[in-house]
Protein backbone atom coordinates (compact mmCIF):
# COMPACT_ATOMS: atom_id res chain seq x y z
CA UNK A 1 117.18 -32.21 50.25
CA UNK A 2 116.97 -35.90 50.91
CA UNK A 3 115.53 -38.35 48.52
CA UNK A 4 112.63 -39.06 50.83
CA UNK A 5 111.74 -35.42 51.18
CA UNK A 6 111.94 -35.01 47.45
CA UNK A 7 109.60 -37.97 46.99
CA UNK A 8 107.13 -36.60 49.53
CA UNK A 9 107.14 -33.24 47.83
CA UNK A 10 106.43 -34.85 44.52
CA UNK A 11 103.63 -36.86 46.06
CA UNK A 12 102.16 -33.76 47.59
CA UNK A 13 102.30 -31.96 44.28
CA UNK A 14 100.84 -34.99 42.59
CA UNK A 15 97.99 -35.03 45.11
CA UNK A 16 97.37 -31.32 44.59
CA UNK A 17 97.36 -31.86 40.86
CA UNK A 18 94.93 -34.74 41.18
CA UNK A 19 92.80 -32.71 43.58
CA UNK A 20 92.78 -29.86 41.10
CA UNK A 21 91.88 -32.26 38.30
CA UNK A 22 89.09 -33.73 40.40
CA UNK A 23 87.88 -30.30 41.25
CA UNK A 24 87.87 -29.37 37.59
CA UNK A 25 86.02 -32.55 36.75
CA UNK A 26 83.47 -31.86 39.45
CA UNK A 27 83.01 -28.34 38.15
CA UNK A 28 82.76 -29.69 34.64
CA UNK A 29 80.16 -32.22 35.74
CA UNK A 30 78.25 -29.50 37.60
CA UNK A 31 78.42 -27.33 34.51
CA UNK A 32 77.24 -30.18 32.32
CA UNK A 33 74.47 -30.97 34.78
CA UNK A 34 73.54 -27.31 34.88
CA UNK A 35 73.49 -27.20 31.08
CA UNK A 36 71.31 -30.30 31.00
CA UNK A 37 68.89 -28.72 33.48
CA UNK A 38 68.86 -25.51 31.46
CA UNK A 39 68.25 -27.43 28.26
CA UNK A 40 65.42 -29.35 29.85
CA UNK A 41 63.93 -26.11 31.18
CA UNK A 42 64.38 -24.56 27.77
CA UNK A 43 62.56 -27.45 26.17
CA UNK A 44 59.75 -27.09 28.67
CA UNK A 45 59.56 -23.34 28.08
CA UNK A 46 59.44 -23.59 24.27
CA UNK A 47 55.86 -24.95 24.07
CA UNK A 48 54.81 -22.31 26.56
CA UNK A 49 56.47 -19.63 24.46
CA UNK A 50 54.87 -21.03 21.32
CA UNK A 51 51.52 -21.20 23.06
CA UNK A 52 51.97 -17.70 24.36
CA UNK A 53 53.00 -16.48 20.93
CA UNK A 54 49.99 -18.19 19.34
CA UNK A 55 47.75 -16.66 21.97
CA UNK A 56 49.22 -13.25 21.27
CA UNK A 57 48.67 -13.76 17.51
CA UNK A 58 45.07 -14.84 18.10
CA UNK A 59 44.48 -11.83 20.31
CA UNK A 60 45.99 -9.56 17.65
CA UNK A 61 43.77 -11.17 14.99
CA UNK A 62 40.70 -10.78 17.18
CA UNK A 63 41.58 -7.15 17.82
CA UNK A 64 42.01 -6.61 14.09
CA UNK A 65 38.68 -8.28 13.31
CA UNK A 66 36.95 -6.24 16.00
CA UNK A 67 38.51 -3.09 14.56
CA UNK A 68 37.27 -4.00 11.08
CA UNK A 69 33.78 -4.79 12.41
CA UNK A 70 33.64 -1.49 14.31
CA UNK A 71 34.88 0.34 11.25
CA UNK A 72 32.23 -1.35 9.10
CA UNK A 73 29.54 -0.55 11.65
CA UNK A 74 30.71 3.06 11.77
CA UNK A 75 30.61 3.24 7.97
CA UNK A 76 27.12 1.74 7.93
CA UNK A 77 26.02 4.23 10.57
CA UNK A 78 27.43 7.10 8.53
CA UNK A 79 25.67 5.76 5.44
CA UNK A 80 22.40 5.52 7.35
CA UNK A 81 22.80 9.08 8.59
CA UNK A 82 23.92 10.50 5.26
CA UNK A 83 21.58 8.47 3.08
CA UNK A 84 17.93 9.52 3.33
CA UNK A 85 15.49 6.75 4.08
CA UNK A 86 13.90 5.58 0.86
CA UNK A 87 10.14 5.46 0.83
CA UNK A 88 8.50 2.20 -0.08
CA UNK A 89 6.97 2.50 -3.54
CA UNK A 90 3.77 0.77 -4.61
CA UNK A 91 3.88 0.11 -8.34
CA UNK A 92 0.10 -0.13 -8.59
CA UNK A 93 -0.37 3.27 -6.93
CA UNK A 94 2.34 4.82 -9.12
CA UNK A 95 0.59 3.37 -12.16
CA UNK A 96 -2.75 4.89 -11.09
CA UNK A 97 -1.06 8.28 -10.65
CA UNK A 98 0.53 8.11 -14.12
CA UNK A 99 -2.73 6.91 -15.69
CA UNK A 100 -4.72 9.69 -14.00
CA UNK A 101 -2.18 12.28 -15.15
CA UNK A 102 -2.55 11.14 -18.76
CA UNK A 103 -6.37 11.13 -18.50
CA UNK A 104 -6.28 14.78 -17.38
CA UNK A 105 -4.44 15.70 -20.58
CA UNK A 106 -6.77 13.59 -22.72
CA UNK A 107 -9.76 15.33 -21.12
CA UNK A 108 -8.34 18.76 -21.88
CA UNK A 109 -7.50 17.73 -25.45
CA UNK A 110 -11.12 16.58 -25.89
CA UNK A 111 -12.43 19.96 -24.70
CA UNK A 112 -11.13 21.53 -27.92
CA UNK A 113 -14.03 19.88 -29.77
CA UNK A 114 -17.05 20.86 -27.71
CA UNK A 115 -16.26 23.98 -25.64
CA UNK A 116 -16.77 27.26 -27.48
CA UNK A 117 -16.17 30.87 -26.43
CA UNK A 118 -17.85 31.76 -23.15
CA UNK A 119 -18.58 28.11 -22.36
CA UNK A 120 -21.04 27.70 -25.24
CA UNK A 121 -21.48 24.13 -26.52
CA UNK A 122 -20.15 23.64 -30.05
CA UNK A 123 -22.93 22.10 -32.11
CA UNK A 124 -21.35 19.65 -34.54
CA UNK A 125 -20.91 15.93 -34.95
CA UNK A 126 -17.32 16.07 -33.75
CA UNK A 127 -18.39 16.51 -30.12
CA UNK A 128 -19.57 12.88 -30.14
CA UNK A 129 -15.97 11.72 -29.71
CA UNK A 130 -15.06 13.81 -26.66
CA UNK A 131 -18.45 12.74 -25.29
CA UNK A 132 -17.20 9.15 -25.38
CA UNK A 133 -13.54 9.67 -24.49
CA UNK A 134 -14.09 12.24 -21.74
CA UNK A 135 -16.82 10.13 -20.15
CA UNK A 136 -14.30 7.30 -19.83
CA UNK A 137 -11.64 9.67 -18.47
CA UNK A 138 -13.79 11.48 -15.88
CA UNK A 139 -12.19 9.39 -13.13
CA UNK A 140 -8.87 11.28 -13.41
CA UNK A 141 -9.20 13.81 -10.57
CA UNK A 142 -11.01 11.50 -8.10
CA UNK A 143 -8.20 8.97 -8.60
CA UNK A 144 -5.72 11.59 -7.38
CA UNK A 145 -7.86 12.21 -4.29
CA UNK A 146 -8.03 8.46 -3.58
CA UNK A 147 -4.24 8.19 -3.86
CA UNK A 148 -3.87 10.97 -1.28
CA UNK A 149 -6.09 9.10 1.15
CA UNK A 150 -4.38 5.78 0.45
CA UNK A 151 -0.89 7.15 1.09
CA UNK A 152 -1.44 9.90 3.68
CA UNK A 153 -4.18 8.56 5.96
CA UNK A 154 -3.65 8.12 8.80
CA UNK A 155 -1.08 10.90 9.19
CA UNK A 156 2.31 9.52 10.37
CA UNK A 157 3.86 12.73 11.75
CA UNK A 158 2.70 15.67 13.85
CA UNK A 159 0.35 18.00 12.02
CA UNK A 160 2.79 20.93 11.77
CA UNK A 161 5.43 18.77 10.04
CA UNK A 162 2.79 17.26 7.77
CA UNK A 163 1.26 20.58 6.70
CA UNK A 164 4.64 22.28 6.27
CA UNK A 165 5.87 19.51 3.99
CA UNK A 166 2.67 19.27 1.95
CA UNK A 167 2.04 22.98 1.52
CA UNK A 168 5.67 23.70 0.68
CA UNK A 169 5.57 21.08 -2.05
CA UNK A 170 2.24 22.27 -3.48
CA UNK A 171 1.92 26.01 -2.91
CA UNK A 172 5.24 27.35 -4.22
CA UNK A 173 4.97 25.67 -7.65
CA UNK A 174 1.30 26.65 -7.79
CA UNK A 175 2.05 30.36 -7.28
CA UNK A 176 4.93 30.25 -9.77
CA UNK A 177 2.78 28.67 -12.49
CA UNK A 178 -0.08 31.06 -11.84
CA UNK A 179 2.33 33.90 -12.58
CA UNK A 180 3.81 32.10 -15.61
CA UNK A 181 0.37 31.49 -17.12
CA UNK A 182 -0.57 35.11 -16.48
CA UNK A 183 2.52 36.30 -18.37
CA UNK A 184 1.98 33.68 -21.10
CA UNK A 185 -1.57 34.83 -21.81
CA UNK A 186 -0.36 38.41 -22.05
CA UNK A 187 2.34 37.36 -24.55
CA UNK A 188 -0.12 35.52 -26.82
CA UNK A 189 -2.52 38.48 -26.67
CA UNK A 190 -5.29 36.85 -24.66
CA UNK A 191 -5.15 39.62 -22.00
CA UNK A 192 -3.71 43.13 -21.86
CA UNK A 193 -0.97 44.43 -19.57
CA UNK A 194 -3.40 45.89 -17.05
CA UNK A 195 -5.28 42.58 -16.72
CA UNK A 196 -1.99 40.75 -16.25
CA UNK A 197 -1.04 42.87 -13.23
CA UNK A 198 -4.57 42.70 -11.79
CA UNK A 199 -4.56 38.91 -12.06
CA UNK A 200 -1.41 38.39 -10.00
CA UNK A 201 -2.81 39.55 -6.62
CA UNK A 202 -5.94 37.51 -7.36
CA UNK A 203 -3.88 34.32 -7.16
CA UNK A 204 -4.56 34.20 -3.43
CA UNK A 205 -8.31 34.44 -4.08
CA UNK A 206 -8.83 32.10 -7.04
CA UNK A 207 -5.74 31.34 -9.15
CA UNK A 208 -5.67 34.70 -10.94
CA UNK A 209 -5.62 33.79 -14.61
CA UNK A 210 -8.56 31.73 -15.82
CA UNK A 211 -6.65 28.46 -16.21
CA UNK A 212 -9.28 25.92 -15.34
CA UNK A 213 -7.05 23.02 -14.36
CA UNK A 214 -5.55 24.94 -11.43
CA UNK A 215 -8.79 24.53 -9.46
CA UNK A 216 -7.47 21.11 -8.48
CA UNK A 217 -4.71 22.64 -6.33
CA UNK A 218 -7.25 24.28 -4.02
CA UNK A 219 -9.10 20.98 -3.72
CA UNK A 220 -5.99 18.97 -2.81
CA UNK A 221 -4.90 21.60 -0.27
CA UNK A 222 -8.34 21.30 1.32
CA UNK A 223 -7.78 17.56 1.70
CA UNK A 224 -4.39 18.20 3.31
CA UNK A 225 -5.96 20.62 5.80
CA UNK A 226 -8.53 18.05 6.90
CA UNK A 227 -6.17 15.06 7.20
CA UNK A 228 -4.81 16.06 10.67
CA UNK A 229 -8.39 16.39 11.91
CA UNK A 230 -9.65 13.02 10.68
CA UNK A 231 -6.47 11.02 11.44
CA UNK A 232 -7.49 10.15 15.06
CA UNK A 233 -10.83 8.89 13.78
CA UNK A 234 -9.18 6.76 11.08
CA UNK A 235 -6.78 5.24 13.64
CA UNK A 236 -9.62 3.97 15.83
CA UNK A 237 -12.47 3.49 13.36
CA UNK A 238 -13.81 0.01 12.75
CA UNK A 239 -15.40 -1.15 9.50
CA UNK A 240 -18.82 -0.17 10.81
CA UNK A 241 -17.68 3.42 11.31
CA UNK A 242 -16.46 3.61 7.71
CA UNK A 243 -19.73 2.11 6.49
CA UNK A 244 -21.64 4.79 8.39
CA UNK A 245 -19.56 7.52 6.73
CA UNK A 246 -19.93 6.00 3.24
CA UNK A 247 -23.70 5.60 3.67
CA UNK A 248 -24.09 9.37 4.13
CA UNK A 249 -21.47 10.17 1.47
CA UNK A 250 -23.40 7.93 -0.90
CA UNK A 251 -26.51 10.10 -0.45
CA UNK A 252 -24.43 13.24 -1.01
CA UNK A 253 -23.31 11.87 -4.40
CA UNK A 254 -26.85 12.54 -5.67
CA UNK A 255 -26.68 16.19 -4.61
CA UNK A 256 -26.00 17.46 -8.16
CA UNK A 257 -29.01 15.63 -9.60
CA UNK A 258 -31.31 16.64 -6.73
CA UNK A 259 -30.34 20.29 -7.17
CA UNK A 260 -31.10 20.03 -10.88
CA UNK A 261 -34.73 19.40 -9.92
CA UNK A 262 -34.94 21.35 -6.63
CA UNK A 263 -32.80 24.51 -6.43
CA UNK A 264 -32.90 24.54 -2.61
CA UNK A 265 -32.95 21.39 -0.50
CA UNK A 266 -32.47 20.28 3.13
CA UNK A 267 -32.38 23.70 4.77
CA UNK A 268 -30.83 25.76 1.98
CA UNK A 269 -32.08 29.31 1.50
CA UNK A 270 -30.67 32.60 0.26
CA UNK A 271 -29.42 33.30 3.80
CA UNK A 272 -28.05 29.76 4.23
CA UNK A 273 -26.09 28.02 1.49
CA UNK A 274 -25.33 24.87 3.50
CA UNK A 275 -27.57 21.82 3.39
CA UNK A 276 -28.07 18.87 5.71
CA UNK A 277 -25.26 16.88 4.12
CA UNK A 278 -22.85 19.78 3.58
CA UNK A 279 -20.15 18.20 5.77
CA UNK A 280 -20.13 15.07 3.58
CA UNK A 281 -20.30 16.69 0.13
CA UNK A 282 -16.99 16.96 -1.68
CA UNK A 283 -13.89 15.15 -2.86
CA UNK A 284 -12.72 14.24 0.65
CA UNK A 285 -14.96 11.18 0.43
CA UNK A 286 -12.55 9.81 -2.19
CA UNK A 287 -9.63 10.25 0.21
CA UNK A 288 -11.48 8.32 2.93
CA UNK A 289 -12.34 5.64 0.35
CA UNK A 290 -8.67 5.28 -0.57
CA UNK A 291 -7.77 4.90 3.11
CA UNK A 292 -10.54 2.30 3.61
CA UNK A 293 -9.19 0.21 0.72
CA UNK A 294 -5.70 0.24 2.22
CA UNK A 295 -6.84 -0.76 5.72
CA UNK A 296 -9.73 -3.15 5.07
CA UNK A 297 -9.57 -4.34 1.44
CA UNK A 298 -5.83 -4.75 0.97
CA UNK A 299 -5.87 -8.55 0.96
CA UNK A 300 -8.90 -8.95 -1.30
CA UNK A 301 -8.72 -9.46 -5.06
CA UNK A 302 -11.63 -7.37 -6.32
CA UNK A 303 -10.60 -6.81 -9.94
CA UNK A 304 -13.76 -8.32 -11.42
CA UNK A 305 -15.92 -6.13 -9.19
CA UNK A 306 -13.74 -3.17 -10.19
CA UNK A 307 -14.22 -3.83 -13.91
CA UNK A 308 -18.00 -4.07 -13.45
CA UNK A 309 -18.14 -0.84 -11.45
CA UNK A 310 -15.98 1.04 -13.97
CA UNK A 311 -18.04 -0.07 -16.96
CA UNK A 312 -21.36 0.64 -15.27
CA UNK A 313 -20.28 4.02 -13.88
CA UNK A 314 -18.74 5.15 -17.19
CA UNK A 315 -21.84 4.02 -19.09
CA UNK A 316 -24.09 6.20 -16.90
CA UNK A 317 -21.69 9.12 -17.32
CA UNK A 318 -21.70 8.70 -21.10
CA UNK A 319 -25.46 8.19 -21.28
CA UNK A 320 -26.06 11.49 -19.48
CA UNK A 321 -23.91 13.33 -22.03
CA UNK A 322 -25.76 11.96 -25.06
CA UNK A 323 -29.23 12.37 -23.56
CA UNK A 324 -28.56 16.06 -22.98
CA UNK A 325 -26.62 16.67 -26.19
CA UNK A 326 -29.62 17.53 -28.42
CA UNK A 327 -30.98 20.24 -26.10
CA UNK A 328 -27.98 21.54 -24.16
CA UNK A 329 -26.74 24.99 -25.09
CA UNK A 330 -23.83 25.32 -22.70
CA UNK A 331 -21.07 23.09 -21.41
CA UNK A 332 -22.48 23.38 -17.91
CA UNK A 333 -25.69 21.75 -19.08
CA UNK A 334 -24.12 18.90 -20.99
CA UNK A 335 -21.59 18.09 -18.26
CA UNK A 336 -24.24 17.32 -15.64
CA UNK A 337 -23.22 13.66 -15.30
CA UNK A 338 -19.52 14.57 -15.51
CA UNK A 339 -19.41 16.13 -12.04
CA UNK A 340 -16.76 14.43 -9.94
CA UNK A 341 -19.06 14.12 -6.93
CA UNK A 342 -21.72 12.03 -8.62
CA UNK A 343 -22.62 8.41 -7.95
CA UNK A 344 -21.66 7.32 -11.48
CA UNK A 345 -18.18 8.91 -11.43
CA UNK A 346 -17.61 7.54 -7.92
CA UNK A 347 -18.51 4.03 -9.11
CA UNK A 348 -16.14 4.25 -12.07
CA UNK A 349 -13.32 5.69 -9.95
CA UNK A 350 -13.69 3.08 -7.22
CA UNK A 351 -13.73 0.36 -9.85
CA UNK A 352 -10.58 1.49 -11.65
CA UNK A 353 -8.72 1.87 -8.35
CA UNK A 354 -9.62 -1.73 -7.45
CA UNK A 355 -8.37 -2.93 -10.84
CA UNK A 356 -4.99 -1.18 -10.77
CA UNK A 357 -4.02 -0.89 -7.08
CA UNK A 358 -2.24 -4.29 -6.80
CA UNK A 359 -0.71 -4.44 -10.28
CA UNK A 360 2.92 -5.53 -10.09
CA UNK A 361 5.78 -5.14 -12.56
CA UNK A 362 8.71 -7.56 -12.74
CA UNK A 363 10.54 -5.47 -15.32
CA UNK A 364 12.80 -3.23 -13.26
CA UNK A 365 13.32 -0.69 -16.04
CA UNK A 366 9.61 -0.19 -16.66
CA UNK A 367 8.98 0.09 -12.91
CA UNK A 368 11.66 2.78 -12.64
CA UNK A 369 10.14 4.76 -15.53
CA UNK A 370 6.62 4.60 -14.06
CA UNK A 371 8.02 5.59 -10.66
CA UNK A 372 9.85 8.58 -12.15
CA UNK A 373 6.79 9.79 -14.07
CA UNK A 374 4.67 9.40 -10.92
CA UNK A 375 7.13 11.52 -8.92
CA UNK A 376 6.96 14.24 -11.58
CA UNK A 377 3.19 14.08 -12.14
CA UNK A 378 2.44 17.23 -10.14
CA UNK A 379 4.84 19.30 -12.22
CA UNK A 380 3.42 17.71 -15.38
CA UNK A 381 -0.09 18.63 -14.27
CA UNK A 382 0.93 22.25 -13.75
CA UNK A 383 2.88 22.67 -16.99
CA UNK A 384 0.89 20.67 -19.53
CA UNK A 385 -1.45 23.45 -20.72
CA UNK A 386 1.52 25.28 -22.29
CA UNK A 387 2.24 22.29 -24.54
CA UNK A 388 -1.44 21.47 -25.12
CA UNK A 389 -1.97 24.93 -26.60
CA UNK A 390 1.19 24.55 -28.69
CA UNK A 391 0.08 21.23 -30.20
CA UNK A 392 -3.43 22.58 -30.72
CA UNK A 393 -2.05 25.22 -33.09
CA UNK A 394 0.62 22.92 -34.53
CA UNK A 395 -1.98 20.39 -35.70
CA UNK A 396 -4.73 22.95 -36.30
CA UNK A 397 -6.66 20.58 -34.06
CA UNK A 398 -10.19 21.89 -34.57
CA UNK A 399 -9.89 21.08 -38.30
CA UNK A 400 -8.73 17.51 -37.65
CA UNK A 401 -10.86 14.54 -36.79
CA UNK A 402 -11.09 14.05 -33.00
CA UNK A 403 -11.08 10.25 -33.27
CA UNK A 404 -7.28 10.38 -33.62
CA UNK A 405 -6.28 13.96 -32.94
CA UNK A 406 -7.38 13.88 -29.27
CA UNK A 407 -5.06 10.95 -28.56
CA UNK A 408 -2.12 12.36 -30.53
CA UNK A 409 -2.29 15.73 -28.78
CA UNK A 410 -2.79 14.11 -25.36
CA UNK A 411 0.10 11.67 -25.87
CA UNK A 412 2.55 14.30 -27.17
CA UNK A 413 1.55 16.70 -24.38
CA UNK A 414 2.15 13.94 -21.83
CA UNK A 415 5.61 13.04 -23.19
CA UNK A 416 6.84 16.61 -23.64
CA UNK A 417 5.51 17.64 -20.21
CA UNK A 418 7.42 14.77 -18.62
CA UNK A 419 10.65 15.65 -20.46
CA UNK A 420 10.29 19.33 -19.56
CA UNK A 421 9.71 18.58 -15.87
CA UNK A 422 12.58 16.08 -15.84
CA UNK A 423 14.89 18.75 -17.31
CA UNK A 424 13.74 21.27 -14.69
CA UNK A 425 14.37 18.69 -11.93
CA UNK A 426 18.14 19.06 -12.50
CA UNK A 427 18.00 22.74 -11.56
CA UNK A 428 18.94 23.54 -7.93
CA UNK A 429 15.87 24.00 -5.70
CA UNK A 430 13.66 22.62 -8.48
CA UNK A 431 11.26 21.26 -5.85
CA UNK A 432 9.98 24.83 -5.44
CA UNK A 433 9.17 24.94 -9.18
CA UNK A 434 7.75 21.51 -9.99
CA UNK A 435 7.00 20.10 -6.54
């Protein structure tokens, strides 16, 4: 090989080498350029990824919050379904109920000092005190009737639901206590075994055993029966319509006194025992009065008027007792002005209701106690004669002075009746025993 050929070969190889080097450099530059482009793209994508990631986190947080809200709403819904709706309580009305319940027991404690065997009036100086105390307490039963009208009129459900609820609450305990009193009087020797069994079927006629306070249950059931009938009238009646009703009811409140002078009045005869105002005579007037106060007198402060009416009405009631005391031979005679459907008792009842209806209590504990006693007042009413008789013998009441003994017996009967009913309330299905 010549020198020239050798040199050319070397040059060619050198050129190839340089070409290869250049090619490598170009590839390297392309690679570097590609890397730079990728890096730039990567930098551009990072904010987007961060933004996307933040968006995803926000969405996850929102989903979590929505889940928590839905869960809370579901829990609230379950609570609303499971938890019975609490009725709104009126402290003033609860207080009236408790006060009336106590007055019933005070009245019955006072009877120990003037009612003799067979309803004969006991002639002694001690009957002065029940004459005073019982005259002041004669408002007890009408107050209950006014509460019924205040709370139940107008009726808020259909009449079948209303009557089922009311009669279930009242009738079952009533029948049970009629039977219990029947057995009790047999145990203490007041009646024999035959009379005890005869009395039980008579419950459906007139409370079987002669336990006077049970008359009230028939009266309150009568009010319940009439509430569905009068509800439409109450819902549409204006003040003038109520005034019309009260005007006639007012006249009927003199019925007892009129009959004392005239045995038969306004169409009455031996073949017809209903008079002109028969449809207005009775305790239902108190229920309508309670409803009227709620609808038309709710915003008025009438305490001063209430005090005046109570004092005046009670004074007339008391005066009637003492005017008849010297000549009366029986309780029926001396209790003429004590009838619940008299103008004087109606005045006193209306007055006391006006005084107490809007009373408020800021002490939560006291309010809870009054509320609890009010809820148990029906059971206390039914049961209290058991304890009244017990304390009568415990204190030998007729030998004690009534100025203090009436209040002690009434107070102890009230407390023990409440504790007994509260204890019974823990028994399953106790609502069928104590209401």
